């Protein structure tokens, strides 16, 4: 059973089990401009609360997010944006202020040309992603490499007349598995993946 309560700038969603006991409760607080100011989720089974607090710029673009677990700060993420509202830099810090991950994004016109991972705890390498487009601005190739220029993965896309991906060709080096710790499985099998490996 689900119960929804709305009051001015507040929305509460409660879920109950078959015995009528509360299992989850989500509280959303909205600003006057209808942007979400905070979301708090309570899990009755785990007896835990997780709260997300959001900060926006004058153009209603998110610039900061704070995550609290049971009232204690857990993670802070900040975004720097350009005049079009696009993300230029993203940084996240843990509860002690230590950098968890740092990304940057570079554009040419309206197209994302490069994305860089300068810090990420889950990876053991700093990474760059380069994107190539056809004359209609459709993504046709993605190259992933380390900061020292070593190839990690290359993906080439074949598009149909509608611009949808019909086939994706993957080339992956041994670095791919060192960084991600996973195999080629798990990709969308509706694509005719052709995967080539080399050392």
N, C-alpha and C. Protein backbone atom coordinates (compact mmCIF):
# COMPACT_ATOMS: atom_id res chain seq x y z
N UNK A 1 0.84 -1.19 0.00
CA UNK A 1 0.00 0.00 0.00
C UNK A 1 0.87 1.25 0.00
N UNK A 2 0.45 2.26 -0.75
CA UNK A 2 1.20 3.51 -0.82
C UNK A 2 0.27 4.67 -0.50
N UNK A 3 0.79 5.61 0.25
CA UNK A 3 0.03 6.77 0.66
C UNK A 3 0.82 8.02 0.33
N UNK A 4 0.17 8.98 -0.33
CA UNK A 4 0.84 10.22 -0.74
C UNK A 4 0.16 11.40 -0.05
N UNK A 5 0.97 12.25 0.55
CA UNK A 5 0.47 13.45 1.23
C UNK A 5 1.17 14.67 0.66
N UNK A 6 0.42 15.64 0.19
CA UNK A 6 0.99 16.85 -0.41
C UNK A 6 0.49 18.06 0.37
N UNK A 7 1.44 18.93 0.76
CA UNK A 7 1.08 20.11 1.54
C UNK A 7 2.02 21.25 1.15
N UNK A 8 1.50 22.23 0.41
CA UNK A 8 2.29 23.38 -0.06
C UNK A 8 3.54 22.90 -0.80
N UNK A 9 4.72 23.13 -0.21
CA UNK A 9 5.97 22.78 -0.88
C UNK A 9 6.54 21.45 -0.38
N UNK A 10 5.68 20.59 0.14
CA UNK A 10 6.16 19.34 0.73
C UNK A 10 5.33 18.17 0.20
N UNK A 11 6.01 17.08 -0.11
CA UNK A 11 5.35 15.86 -0.57
C UNK A 11 5.92 14.67 0.20
N UNK A 12 5.04 13.88 0.79
CA UNK A 12 5.45 12.72 1.57
C UNK A 12 4.83 11.47 0.97
N UNK A 13 5.65 10.48 0.70
CA UNK A 13 5.19 9.20 0.16
C UNK A 13 5.51 8.12 1.19
N UNK A 14 4.49 7.42 1.64
CA UNK A 14 4.68 6.36 2.63
C UNK A 14 4.26 5.03 2.02
N UNK A 15 5.04 3.99 2.30
CA UNK A 15 4.73 2.64 1.84
C UNK A 15 4.57 1.72 3.04
N UNK A 16 3.58 0.82 2.93
CA UNK A 16 3.27 -0.07 4.05
C UNK A 16 3.28 -1.52 3.56
N UNK A 17 3.57 -2.43 4.48
CA UNK A 17 3.51 -3.85 4.13
C UNK A 17 2.08 -4.36 4.29
N UNK A 18 1.90 -5.66 4.10
CA UNK A 18 0.55 -6.24 4.15
C UNK A 18 -0.08 -6.14 5.54
N UNK A 19 0.77 -6.00 6.56
CA UNK A 19 0.25 -5.88 7.92
C UNK A 19 -0.02 -4.43 8.31
N UNK A 20 0.21 -3.51 7.37
CA UNK A 20 -0.02 -2.11 7.65
C UNK A 20 1.11 -1.40 8.34
N UNK A 21 2.27 -2.07 8.42
CA UNK A 21 3.44 -1.46 9.05
C UNK A 21 4.20 -0.63 8.03
N UNK A 22 4.65 0.55 8.45
CA UNK A 22 5.42 1.43 7.57
C UNK A 22 6.75 0.77 7.20
N UNK A 23 7.06 0.74 5.90
CA UNK A 23 8.33 0.17 5.44
C UNK A 23 9.26 1.25 4.90
N UNK A 24 8.69 2.25 4.21
CA UNK A 24 9.50 3.32 3.65
C UNK A 24 8.74 4.64 3.71
N UNK A 25 9.50 5.72 3.84
CA UNK A 25 8.90 7.05 3.80
C UNK A 25 9.86 7.99 3.08
N UNK A 26 9.36 8.68 2.06
CA UNK A 26 10.17 9.63 1.30
C UNK A 26 9.53 11.01 1.41
N UNK A 27 10.33 11.99 1.82
CA UNK A 27 9.86 13.36 1.98
C UNK A 27 10.60 14.26 1.01
N UNK A 28 9.86 14.95 0.15
CA UNK A 28 10.44 15.87 -0.81
C UNK A 28 10.03 17.29 -0.45
N UNK A 29 11.02 18.20 -0.40
CA UNK A 29 10.77 19.61 -0.14
C UNK A 29 11.10 20.39 -1.41
N UNK A 30 10.19 21.28 -1.82
CA UNK A 30 10.36 22.04 -3.05
C UNK A 30 10.55 23.53 -2.76
N UNK A 31 11.33 24.19 -3.62
CA UNK A 31 11.49 25.63 -3.53
C UNK A 31 10.28 26.31 -4.18
N UNK A 32 10.24 27.63 -4.09
CA UNK A 32 9.14 28.37 -4.69
C UNK A 32 9.11 28.23 -6.20
N UNK A 33 10.30 27.98 -6.81
CA UNK A 33 10.36 27.81 -8.26
C UNK A 33 10.14 26.35 -8.66
N UNK A 34 9.72 25.52 -7.71
CA UNK A 34 9.36 24.11 -7.92
C UNK A 34 10.57 23.20 -8.09
N UNK A 35 11.77 23.72 -7.93
CA UNK A 35 12.94 22.86 -7.91
C UNK A 35 12.99 22.09 -6.59
N UNK A 36 13.50 20.86 -6.65
CA UNK A 36 13.60 20.05 -5.44
C UNK A 36 14.72 20.60 -4.56
N UNK A 37 14.40 20.92 -3.33
CA UNK A 37 15.39 21.44 -2.40
C UNK A 37 16.04 20.32 -1.60
N UNK A 38 15.25 19.32 -1.23
CA UNK A 38 15.80 18.19 -0.49
C UNK A 38 14.89 16.98 -0.63
N UNK A 39 15.51 15.81 -0.51
CA UNK A 39 14.79 14.54 -0.52
C UNK A 39 15.33 13.70 0.63
N UNK A 40 14.43 13.25 1.49
CA UNK A 40 14.84 12.40 2.62
C UNK A 40 14.10 11.07 2.54
N UNK A 41 14.88 10.00 2.60
CA UNK A 41 14.29 8.65 2.50
C UNK A 41 14.55 7.90 3.81
N UNK A 42 13.47 7.37 4.36
CA UNK A 42 13.57 6.57 5.59
C UNK A 42 13.22 5.13 5.28
N UNK A 43 14.13 4.23 5.64
CA UNK A 43 13.91 2.79 5.48
C UNK A 43 13.64 2.20 6.85
N UNK A 44 12.40 1.79 7.08
CA UNK A 44 12.02 1.29 8.41
C UNK A 44 12.70 -0.02 8.74
N UNK A 45 12.93 -0.86 7.72
CA UNK A 45 13.57 -2.15 7.98
C UNK A 45 15.02 -1.97 8.41
N UNK A 46 15.71 -1.03 7.77
CA UNK A 46 17.11 -0.78 8.10
C UNK A 46 17.25 0.26 9.20
N UNK A 47 16.14 0.91 9.53
CA UNK A 47 16.13 2.00 10.51
C UNK A 47 17.19 3.04 10.16
N UNK A 48 17.21 3.43 8.89
CA UNK A 48 18.20 4.39 8.42
C UNK A 48 17.52 5.51 7.65
N UNK A 49 18.16 6.68 7.65
CA UNK A 49 17.67 7.83 6.91
C UNK A 49 18.77 8.35 6.00
N UNK A 50 18.41 8.62 4.75
CA UNK A 50 19.34 9.22 3.80
C UNK A 50 18.70 10.48 3.24
N UNK A 51 19.42 11.59 3.33
CA UNK A 51 18.89 12.87 2.90
C UNK A 51 19.81 13.52 1.88
N UNK A 52 19.22 14.03 0.78
CA UNK A 52 19.95 14.75 -0.26
C UNK A 52 19.47 16.21 -0.24
N UNK A 53 20.42 17.13 -0.18
CA UNK A 53 20.13 18.56 -0.17
C UNK A 53 20.76 19.18 -1.41
N UNK A 54 19.99 19.99 -2.16
CA UNK A 54 20.44 20.51 -3.45
C UNK A 54 20.54 22.04 -3.42
N UNK A 55 21.56 22.55 -4.13
CA UNK A 55 21.76 24.00 -4.29
C UNK A 55 21.81 24.29 -5.79
N UNK A 56 21.16 25.41 -6.20
CA UNK A 56 21.07 25.76 -7.61
C UNK A 56 21.63 27.17 -7.84
N UNK A 57 22.01 27.44 -9.11
CA UNK A 57 22.42 28.80 -9.46
C UNK A 57 21.20 29.61 -9.88
N UNK A 58 21.45 30.81 -10.39
CA UNK A 58 20.35 31.70 -10.76
C UNK A 58 19.57 31.20 -11.97
N UNK A 59 20.14 30.22 -12.68
CA UNK A 59 19.48 29.66 -13.86
C UNK A 59 18.83 28.31 -13.57
N UNK A 60 18.68 27.99 -12.28
CA UNK A 60 18.03 26.76 -11.81
C UNK A 60 18.83 25.51 -12.20
N UNK A 61 20.13 25.67 -12.36
CA UNK A 61 21.00 24.53 -12.61
C UNK A 61 21.67 24.11 -11.30
N UNK A 62 21.71 22.82 -11.04
CA UNK A 62 22.27 22.34 -9.79
C UNK A 62 23.78 22.58 -9.73
N UNK A 63 24.23 23.15 -8.62
CA UNK A 63 25.65 23.41 -8.43
C UNK A 63 26.25 22.65 -7.25
N UNK A 64 25.39 22.09 -6.41
CA UNK A 64 25.91 21.39 -5.23
C UNK A 64 24.88 20.39 -4.72
N UNK A 65 25.38 19.25 -4.25
CA UNK A 65 24.53 18.25 -3.61
C UNK A 65 25.23 17.73 -2.36
N UNK A 66 24.51 17.71 -1.26
CA UNK A 66 25.04 17.14 -0.03
C UNK A 66 24.21 15.91 0.34
N UNK A 67 24.88 14.84 0.71
CA UNK A 67 24.21 13.61 1.10
C UNK A 67 24.49 13.35 2.58
N UNK A 68 23.42 13.14 3.32
CA UNK A 68 23.54 12.85 4.75
C UNK A 68 23.00 11.46 5.03
N UNK A 69 23.71 10.70 5.85
CA UNK A 69 23.25 9.39 6.30
C UNK A 69 23.03 9.45 7.80
N UNK A 70 21.79 9.23 8.21
CA UNK A 70 21.42 9.31 9.63
C UNK A 70 21.90 10.61 10.27
N UNK A 71 21.75 11.71 9.53
CA UNK A 71 22.07 13.02 10.06
C UNK A 71 23.51 13.45 9.92
N UNK A 72 24.38 12.55 9.48
CA UNK A 72 25.81 12.86 9.34
C UNK A 72 26.16 13.05 7.87
N UNK A 73 26.95 14.10 7.58
CA UNK A 73 27.37 14.35 6.21
C UNK A 73 28.18 13.17 5.68
N UNK A 74 27.79 12.68 4.52
CA UNK A 74 28.45 11.52 3.90
C UNK A 74 29.21 11.89 2.64
N UNK A 75 28.62 12.75 1.80
CA UNK A 75 29.24 13.09 0.52
C UNK A 75 28.77 14.45 0.06
N UNK A 76 29.70 15.22 -0.52
CA UNK A 76 29.38 16.52 -1.12
C UNK A 76 29.87 16.53 -2.56
N UNK A 77 28.99 16.89 -3.49
CA UNK A 77 29.36 16.99 -4.90
C UNK A 77 29.08 18.40 -5.38
N UNK A 78 30.05 18.98 -6.11
CA UNK A 78 29.91 20.34 -6.61
C UNK A 78 30.15 20.35 -8.12
N UNK A 79 29.40 21.21 -8.83
CA UNK A 79 29.52 21.33 -10.28
C UNK A 79 29.82 22.77 -10.67
N UNK A 80 30.76 22.94 -11.60
CA UNK A 80 31.01 24.23 -12.24
C UNK A 80 30.43 24.16 -13.64
N UNK A 81 29.67 25.17 -14.04
CA UNK A 81 28.98 25.15 -15.32
C UNK A 81 29.39 26.35 -16.18
N UNK A 82 29.21 26.20 -17.50
CA UNK A 82 29.46 27.32 -18.40
C UNK A 82 28.19 28.15 -18.57
N UNK A 83 28.25 29.14 -19.48
CA UNK A 83 27.11 30.04 -19.64
C UNK A 83 25.88 29.35 -20.21
N UNK A 84 26.07 28.15 -20.80
CA UNK A 84 24.94 27.38 -21.33
C UNK A 84 24.40 26.38 -20.30
N UNK A 85 24.99 26.37 -19.12
CA UNK A 85 24.53 25.46 -18.08
C UNK A 85 25.18 24.09 -18.13
N UNK A 86 26.12 23.91 -19.06
CA UNK A 86 26.76 22.60 -19.18
C UNK A 86 27.85 22.44 -18.13
N UNK A 87 28.04 21.21 -17.68
CA UNK A 87 29.03 20.95 -16.64
C UNK A 87 30.43 21.04 -17.22
N UNK A 88 31.28 21.83 -16.57
CA UNK A 88 32.70 21.93 -16.93
C UNK A 88 33.56 21.09 -16.00
N UNK A 89 33.25 21.15 -14.72
CA UNK A 89 34.00 20.41 -13.72
C UNK A 89 33.05 19.84 -12.68
N UNK A 90 33.38 18.66 -12.21
CA UNK A 90 32.61 18.01 -11.15
C UNK A 90 33.57 17.45 -10.13
N UNK A 91 33.35 17.78 -8.86
CA UNK A 91 34.20 17.28 -7.78
C UNK A 91 33.32 16.76 -6.65
N UNK A 92 33.75 15.66 -6.05
CA UNK A 92 33.02 15.07 -4.93
C UNK A 92 33.99 14.82 -3.77
N UNK A 93 33.49 15.06 -2.56
CA UNK A 93 34.31 14.91 -1.37
C UNK A 93 33.57 14.05 -0.34
N UNK A 94 34.34 13.29 0.44
CA UNK A 94 33.72 12.47 1.48
C UNK A 94 33.46 13.30 2.72
N UNK A 95 33.05 12.64 3.78
CA UNK A 95 32.65 13.35 5.00
C UNK A 95 33.80 14.10 5.66
N UNK A 96 35.05 13.70 5.34
CA UNK A 96 36.22 14.36 5.92
C UNK A 96 36.82 15.40 4.99
N UNK A 97 36.18 15.65 3.85
CA UNK A 97 36.69 16.63 2.91
C UNK A 97 37.72 16.10 1.95
N UNK A 98 37.91 14.77 1.92
CA UNK A 98 38.87 14.17 1.00
C UNK A 98 38.24 14.02 -0.38
N UNK A 99 39.02 14.31 -1.41
CA UNK A 99 38.54 14.21 -2.78
C UNK A 99 38.25 12.76 -3.14
N UNK A 100 37.03 12.50 -3.60
CA UNK A 100 36.61 11.16 -4.00
C UNK A 100 36.71 10.99 -5.51
N UNK A 101 36.16 11.95 -6.24
CA UNK A 101 36.35 11.92 -7.69
C UNK A 101 36.32 13.33 -8.26
N UNK A 102 36.99 13.49 -9.41
CA UNK A 102 37.09 14.76 -10.09
C UNK A 102 37.02 14.54 -11.58
N UNK A 103 36.04 15.16 -12.24
CA UNK A 103 35.84 15.03 -13.68
C UNK A 103 35.91 16.41 -14.33
N UNK A 104 36.30 16.44 -15.61
CA UNK A 104 36.19 17.67 -16.38
C UNK A 104 35.57 17.35 -17.74
N UNK A 105 34.99 18.38 -18.37
CA UNK A 105 34.33 18.20 -19.67
C UNK A 105 34.72 19.36 -20.58
N UNK A 106 35.03 19.05 -21.85
CA UNK A 106 35.40 20.06 -22.84
C UNK A 106 34.46 19.96 -24.04
N UNK A 107 34.07 21.12 -24.56
CA UNK A 107 33.09 21.17 -25.65
C UNK A 107 33.66 21.95 -26.83
N UNK A 108 33.15 21.63 -28.01
CA UNK A 108 33.35 22.45 -29.20
C UNK A 108 31.96 22.70 -29.78
N UNK A 109 31.55 23.97 -29.75
CA UNK A 109 30.17 24.26 -30.13
C UNK A 109 29.23 23.59 -29.16
N UNK A 110 28.30 22.80 -29.68
CA UNK A 110 27.33 22.10 -28.83
C UNK A 110 27.74 20.67 -28.52
N UNK A 111 28.91 20.25 -28.97
CA UNK A 111 29.31 18.86 -28.86
C UNK A 111 30.34 18.65 -27.75
N UNK A 112 30.14 17.60 -26.98
CA UNK A 112 31.12 17.19 -25.98
C UNK A 112 32.26 16.49 -26.69
N UNK A 113 33.48 17.02 -26.57
CA UNK A 113 34.63 16.47 -27.29
C UNK A 113 35.53 15.63 -26.38
N UNK A 114 35.58 15.98 -25.10
CA UNK A 114 36.49 15.26 -24.20
C UNK A 114 35.95 15.27 -22.79
N UNK A 115 36.11 14.15 -22.14
CA UNK A 115 35.77 14.01 -20.72
C UNK A 115 36.97 13.40 -20.02
N UNK A 116 37.32 13.93 -18.88
CA UNK A 116 38.48 13.41 -18.16
C UNK A 116 38.14 13.03 -16.74
N UNK A 117 38.66 11.91 -16.30
CA UNK A 117 38.54 11.48 -14.90
C UNK A 117 39.90 11.68 -14.27
N UNK A 118 40.03 12.73 -13.48
CA UNK A 118 41.31 13.04 -12.86
C UNK A 118 41.50 12.33 -11.53
N UNK A 119 40.41 11.91 -10.95
CA UNK A 119 40.46 11.18 -9.68
C UNK A 119 39.18 10.38 -9.54
N UNK A 120 39.31 9.09 -9.19
CA UNK A 120 38.13 8.27 -8.94
C UNK A 120 38.58 7.08 -8.11
N UNK A 121 38.03 6.95 -6.93
CA UNK A 121 38.50 5.91 -6.02
C UNK A 121 38.29 4.50 -6.56
N UNK A 122 37.26 4.34 -7.40
CA UNK A 122 36.94 3.00 -7.89
C UNK A 122 37.88 2.55 -9.01
N UNK A 123 38.61 3.50 -9.62
CA UNK A 123 39.50 3.16 -10.71
C UNK A 123 40.94 3.29 -10.23
N UNK A 124 41.82 2.51 -10.86
CA UNK A 124 43.23 2.64 -10.51
C UNK A 124 44.00 3.38 -11.59
N UNK A 125 43.31 4.19 -12.39
CA UNK A 125 43.97 4.94 -13.44
C UNK A 125 43.17 6.20 -13.75
N UNK A 126 43.89 7.27 -14.10
CA UNK A 126 43.23 8.48 -14.58
C UNK A 126 42.92 8.27 -16.06
N UNK A 127 41.72 8.69 -16.46
CA UNK A 127 41.24 8.35 -17.79
C UNK A 127 40.78 9.59 -18.55
N UNK A 128 40.88 9.50 -19.89
CA UNK A 128 40.34 10.51 -20.78
C UNK A 128 39.43 9.81 -21.80
N UNK A 129 38.34 10.48 -22.15
CA UNK A 129 37.43 9.99 -23.18
C UNK A 129 37.37 11.03 -24.30
N UNK A 130 37.63 10.61 -25.54
CA UNK A 130 37.55 11.49 -26.70
C UNK A 130 36.37 11.05 -27.56
N UNK A 131 35.62 12.02 -28.10
CA UNK A 131 34.42 11.72 -28.87
C UNK A 131 34.53 12.33 -30.26
N UNK A 132 34.18 11.54 -31.27
CA UNK A 132 34.18 12.00 -32.66
C UNK A 132 32.77 11.90 -33.22
N UNK A 133 32.42 12.85 -34.09
CA UNK A 133 31.06 12.95 -34.63
C UNK A 133 31.11 13.04 -36.15
N UNK A 134 29.99 12.67 -36.78
CA UNK A 134 29.91 12.85 -38.23
C UNK A 134 29.47 14.28 -38.53
N UNK A 135 29.26 14.60 -39.82
CA UNK A 135 28.95 15.98 -40.18
C UNK A 135 27.55 16.41 -39.75
N UNK A 136 26.77 15.47 -39.20
CA UNK A 136 25.45 15.80 -38.67
C UNK A 136 25.45 15.87 -37.14
N UNK A 137 26.65 15.78 -36.56
CA UNK A 137 26.77 15.89 -35.12
C UNK A 137 26.40 14.63 -34.37
N UNK A 138 26.42 13.48 -35.04
CA UNK A 138 26.08 12.21 -34.40
C UNK A 138 27.36 11.49 -33.98
N UNK A 139 27.33 10.93 -32.78
CA UNK A 139 28.51 10.26 -32.25
C UNK A 139 28.83 9.01 -33.08
N UNK A 140 30.07 8.92 -33.56
CA UNK A 140 30.48 7.77 -34.37
C UNK A 140 31.67 7.04 -33.78
N UNK A 141 32.39 7.66 -32.86
CA UNK A 141 33.54 6.99 -32.26
C UNK A 141 33.83 7.54 -30.87
N UNK A 142 34.24 6.64 -29.99
CA UNK A 142 34.65 7.01 -28.64
C UNK A 142 35.97 6.32 -28.34
N UNK A 143 36.94 7.10 -27.92
CA UNK A 143 38.26 6.55 -27.58
C UNK A 143 38.53 6.83 -26.11
N UNK A 144 38.89 5.80 -25.39
CA UNK A 144 39.21 5.92 -23.97
C UNK A 144 40.67 5.58 -23.78
N UNK A 145 41.39 6.46 -23.08
CA UNK A 145 42.81 6.24 -22.88
C UNK A 145 43.22 6.73 -21.50
N UNK A 146 44.42 6.33 -21.08
CA UNK A 146 44.97 6.83 -19.82
C UNK A 146 45.58 8.21 -20.06
N UNK A 147 45.98 8.87 -18.98
CA UNK A 147 46.58 10.19 -19.12
C UNK A 147 47.95 10.13 -19.78
N UNK A 148 48.55 8.94 -19.85
CA UNK A 148 49.83 8.78 -20.53
C UNK A 148 49.65 8.38 -21.99
N UNK A 149 48.39 8.33 -22.46
CA UNK A 149 48.12 8.06 -23.86
C UNK A 149 47.95 6.60 -24.21
N UNK A 150 47.89 5.71 -23.22
CA UNK A 150 47.72 4.28 -23.49
C UNK A 150 46.23 3.98 -23.76
N UNK A 151 45.97 3.28 -24.85
CA UNK A 151 44.60 2.96 -25.22
C UNK A 151 44.00 1.97 -24.24
N UNK A 152 42.76 2.27 -23.80
CA UNK A 152 42.00 1.38 -22.94
C UNK A 152 40.89 0.71 -23.74
N UNK A 153 40.13 1.53 -24.46
CA UNK A 153 39.02 1.01 -25.23
C UNK A 153 38.69 1.98 -26.38
N UNK A 154 38.31 1.40 -27.50
CA UNK A 154 37.85 2.19 -28.64
C UNK A 154 36.53 1.60 -29.12
N UNK A 155 35.54 2.47 -29.31
CA UNK A 155 34.23 2.03 -29.77
C UNK A 155 33.87 2.81 -31.03
N UNK A 156 33.55 2.09 -32.08
CA UNK A 156 33.10 2.71 -33.33
C UNK A 156 31.64 2.32 -33.56
N UNK A 157 30.81 3.30 -33.88
CA UNK A 157 29.38 3.08 -34.04
C UNK A 157 28.99 3.16 -35.52
N UNK A 158 28.20 2.19 -35.96
CA UNK A 158 27.60 2.24 -37.29
C UNK A 158 26.15 2.65 -37.12
N UNK A 159 25.76 3.71 -37.85
CA UNK A 159 24.42 4.26 -37.70
C UNK A 159 23.56 3.95 -38.92
N UNK A 160 22.26 3.81 -38.69
CA UNK A 160 21.35 3.64 -39.81
C UNK A 160 20.90 5.01 -40.31
N UNK A 161 19.97 5.04 -41.26
CA UNK A 161 19.54 6.30 -41.85
C UNK A 161 18.86 7.22 -40.84
N UNK A 162 18.28 6.63 -39.81
CA UNK A 162 17.61 7.42 -38.78
C UNK A 162 18.59 7.94 -37.71
N UNK A 163 19.85 7.52 -37.81
CA UNK A 163 20.85 7.94 -36.85
C UNK A 163 20.95 7.06 -35.63
N UNK A 164 20.22 5.93 -35.62
CA UNK A 164 20.30 5.00 -34.50
C UNK A 164 21.49 4.06 -34.68
N UNK A 165 22.04 3.59 -33.59
CA UNK A 165 23.17 2.67 -33.64
C UNK A 165 22.71 1.29 -34.09
N UNK A 166 23.30 0.79 -35.16
CA UNK A 166 23.00 -0.56 -35.64
C UNK A 166 24.06 -1.55 -35.19
N UNK A 167 25.30 -1.09 -35.12
CA UNK A 167 26.38 -1.98 -34.72
C UNK A 167 27.43 -1.18 -33.98
N UNK A 168 28.00 -1.77 -32.94
CA UNK A 168 29.08 -1.14 -32.19
C UNK A 168 30.28 -2.07 -32.22
N UNK A 169 31.42 -1.57 -32.66
CA UNK A 169 32.65 -2.34 -32.72
C UNK A 169 33.52 -1.95 -31.53
N UNK A 170 33.89 -2.91 -30.71
CA UNK A 170 34.70 -2.66 -29.52
C UNK A 170 36.12 -3.18 -29.73
N UNK A 171 37.10 -2.36 -29.37
CA UNK A 171 38.49 -2.81 -29.28
C UNK A 171 38.95 -2.50 -27.87
N UNK A 172 39.36 -3.53 -27.14
CA UNK A 172 39.75 -3.35 -25.75
C UNK A 172 41.13 -3.94 -25.50
N UNK A 173 41.91 -3.23 -24.73
CA UNK A 173 43.24 -3.73 -24.37
C UNK A 173 43.17 -4.37 -22.99
N UNK A 174 44.28 -4.91 -22.54
CA UNK A 174 44.33 -5.50 -21.21
C UNK A 174 44.06 -4.49 -20.12
N UNK A 175 44.32 -3.22 -20.39
CA UNK A 175 44.06 -2.18 -19.39
C UNK A 175 42.59 -2.09 -19.04
N UNK A 176 41.72 -2.42 -20.00
CA UNK A 176 40.28 -2.34 -19.75
C UNK A 176 39.89 -3.21 -18.57
N UNK A 177 40.40 -4.43 -18.56
CA UNK A 177 40.04 -5.36 -17.48
C UNK A 177 40.74 -5.00 -16.18
N UNK A 178 41.95 -4.43 -16.26
CA UNK A 178 42.64 -4.00 -15.05
C UNK A 178 41.88 -2.86 -14.37
N UNK A 179 41.32 -1.96 -15.18
CA UNK A 179 40.65 -0.79 -14.63
C UNK A 179 39.24 -1.12 -14.16
N UNK A 180 38.48 -1.82 -15.01
CA UNK A 180 37.07 -2.04 -14.70
C UNK A 180 36.81 -3.38 -14.02
N UNK A 181 37.71 -4.32 -14.18
CA UNK A 181 37.54 -5.62 -13.53
C UNK A 181 36.33 -6.37 -14.02
N UNK A 182 36.00 -6.23 -15.31
CA UNK A 182 34.85 -6.93 -15.84
C UNK A 182 35.13 -7.34 -17.27
N UNK A 183 34.33 -8.28 -17.75
CA UNK A 183 34.50 -8.79 -19.10
C UNK A 183 33.58 -8.04 -20.05
N UNK A 184 33.46 -8.57 -21.26
CA UNK A 184 32.64 -7.91 -22.27
C UNK A 184 31.16 -8.17 -22.09
N UNK A 185 30.78 -9.06 -21.20
CA UNK A 185 29.37 -9.37 -21.02
C UNK A 185 28.65 -8.21 -20.35
N UNK A 186 27.35 -8.21 -20.44
CA UNK A 186 26.56 -7.18 -19.78
C UNK A 186 26.19 -6.04 -20.68
N UNK A 187 26.67 -6.01 -21.92
CA UNK A 187 26.29 -4.95 -22.84
C UNK A 187 24.96 -5.29 -23.50
N UNK A 188 24.32 -4.27 -24.03
CA UNK A 188 23.03 -4.44 -24.69
C UNK A 188 23.16 -5.38 -25.88
N UNK A 189 22.59 -6.55 -25.77
CA UNK A 189 22.75 -7.54 -26.82
C UNK A 189 21.91 -7.25 -28.06
N UNK A 190 21.11 -6.17 -28.01
CA UNK A 190 20.38 -5.78 -29.22
C UNK A 190 21.33 -5.20 -30.25
N UNK A 191 22.52 -4.78 -29.77
CA UNK A 191 23.56 -4.34 -30.68
C UNK A 191 24.37 -5.55 -31.11
N UNK A 192 24.84 -5.53 -32.34
CA UNK A 192 25.68 -6.62 -32.84
C UNK A 192 27.13 -6.30 -32.46
N UNK A 193 27.47 -6.58 -31.22
CA UNK A 193 28.79 -6.22 -30.73
C UNK A 193 29.87 -7.08 -31.38
N UNK A 194 30.89 -6.43 -31.87
CA UNK A 194 32.07 -7.11 -32.35
C UNK A 194 33.23 -6.67 -31.48
N UNK A 195 33.81 -7.62 -30.75
CA UNK A 195 34.81 -7.28 -29.75
C UNK A 195 36.15 -7.90 -30.13
N UNK A 196 37.18 -7.07 -30.08
CA UNK A 196 38.52 -7.52 -30.39
C UNK A 196 39.42 -7.16 -29.22
N UNK A 197 40.29 -8.07 -28.84
CA UNK A 197 41.20 -7.83 -27.73
C UNK A 197 42.64 -7.91 -28.23
N UNK A 198 43.48 -7.09 -27.60
CA UNK A 198 44.91 -7.25 -27.84
C UNK A 198 45.66 -6.70 -26.65
N UNK A 199 46.90 -7.15 -26.49
CA UNK A 199 47.72 -6.74 -25.34
C UNK A 199 48.42 -5.42 -25.64
